[in-house]
Amino acid sequence: MCIVSLLKEYLDSNNITGYRIAKDNNITQSTMTRVINRDLDNLSFKYLKAIAISLEKDIGTVAKELNSLQNKTVRNYEVQQKS
């Protein structure tokens, strides 16, 4: 089973790559790759802001969408564990 990070899933659903975010915000691609592969709970404001800039969304909107995705994933996991 392949586990994709929630942030990677979010970026994919918004049709944007880590490379694009890195380029738009003067961040190295290797740094952005590490950020994408980290636990979402460790996402710093700096990178949340970079994602929002590249998506042309408010930081609050991105944060809410990521939180919603995380909550959905937790609920799905809990349902699977009960089965």
Protein backbone atom coordinates (compact mmCIF):
# COMPACT_ATOMS: atom_id res chain seq x y z
CA MET A 1 0.00 0.00 0.00
CA CYS A 2 1.36 3.43 -0.94
CA ILE A 3 0.93 6.18 1.60
CA VAL A 4 0.81 9.67 0.11
CA SER A 5 1.25 12.65 2.39
CA LEU A 6 -1.86 14.72 3.00
CA LEU A 7 -0.10 17.80 1.72
CA LYS A 8 0.86 16.00 -1.51
CA GLU A 9 -2.75 14.88 -1.89
CA TYR A 10 -3.92 18.47 -1.33
CA LEU A 11 -1.48 19.88 -3.86
CA ASP A 12 -2.45 17.24 -6.42
CA SER A 13 -6.13 18.04 -5.95
CA ASN A 14 -5.30 21.71 -6.61
CA ASN A 15 -3.22 20.87 -9.70
CA ILE A 16 0.02 22.34 -8.40
CA THR A 17 3.43 20.86 -7.74
CA GLY A 18 5.99 21.41 -5.06
CA TYR A 19 8.31 22.62 -7.81
CA ARG A 20 5.87 25.38 -8.76
CA ILE A 21 5.47 26.47 -5.13
CA ALA A 22 9.24 26.46 -4.65
CA LYS A 23 9.80 28.51 -7.79
CA ASP A 24 7.01 31.01 -7.01
CA ASN A 25 8.34 31.63 -3.50
CA ASN A 26 12.12 31.40 -3.92
CA ILE A 27 12.38 28.18 -1.90
CA THR A 28 14.68 25.36 -2.93
CA GLN A 29 12.94 22.40 -4.48
CA SER A 30 14.60 20.03 -2.02
CA THR A 31 13.24 22.03 0.91
CA MET A 32 9.75 22.00 -0.56
CA THR A 33 9.99 18.24 -1.10
CA ARG A 34 10.87 17.77 2.59
CA VAL A 35 7.96 20.01 3.60
CA ILE A 36 5.53 18.01 1.44
CA ASN A 37 6.70 14.71 2.91
CA ARG A 38 6.44 15.85 6.55
CA ASP A 39 3.53 15.32 8.87
CA LEU A 40 0.93 18.02 8.24
CA ASP A 41 1.01 18.97 11.94
CA ASN A 42 4.57 20.25 11.40
CA LEU A 43 3.71 22.61 8.53
CA SER A 44 5.08 26.04 9.40
CA PHE A 45 3.36 29.32 8.64
CA LYS A 46 6.12 30.16 6.13
CA TYR A 47 5.24 27.19 3.93
CA LEU A 48 1.49 27.53 4.47
CA LYS A 49 1.87 31.09 3.19
CA ALA A 50 3.94 29.93 0.20
CA ILE A 51 1.25 27.39 -0.74
CA ALA A 52 -1.46 30.03 -0.42
CA ILE A 53 0.47 32.48 -2.61
CA SER A 54 0.98 29.90 -5.34
CA LEU A 55 -2.67 28.81 -5.22
CA GLU A 56 -3.83 32.44 -5.09
CA LYS A 57 -5.92 31.66 -2.02
CA ASP A 58 -6.13 33.16 1.46
CA ILE A 59 -3.91 31.50 4.05
CA GLY A 60 -7.03 30.83 6.14
CA THR A 61 -8.72 29.07 3.23
CA VAL A 62 -5.72 26.80 2.66
CA ALA A 63 -5.50 26.06 6.39
CA LYS A 64 -9.22 25.18 6.55
CA GLU A 65 -8.99 22.96 3.47
CA LEU A 66 -5.95 21.13 4.86
CA ASN A 67 -7.65 20.72 8.24
CA SER A 68 -10.76 19.35 6.56
CA LEU A 69 -8.67 16.87 4.55
CA GLN A 70 -6.84 15.78 7.69
CA ASN A 71 -10.08 15.31 9.64
CA LYS A 72 -11.59 13.30 6.77
CA THR A 73 -8.53 11.06 6.67
CA VAL A 74 -8.65 10.48 10.44
CA ARG A 75 -12.35 9.59 10.27
CA ASN A 76 -11.73 7.15 7.40
CA TYR A 77 -8.89 5.54 9.36
CA GLU A 78 -11.08 5.17 12.47
CA VAL A 79 -13.85 3.55 10.40
CA GLN A 80 -11.34 1.08 8.89
CA GLN A 81 -10.03 0.18 12.34
CA LYS A 82 -13.56 -0.66 13.54
CA SER A 83 -14.16 -2.98 10.56
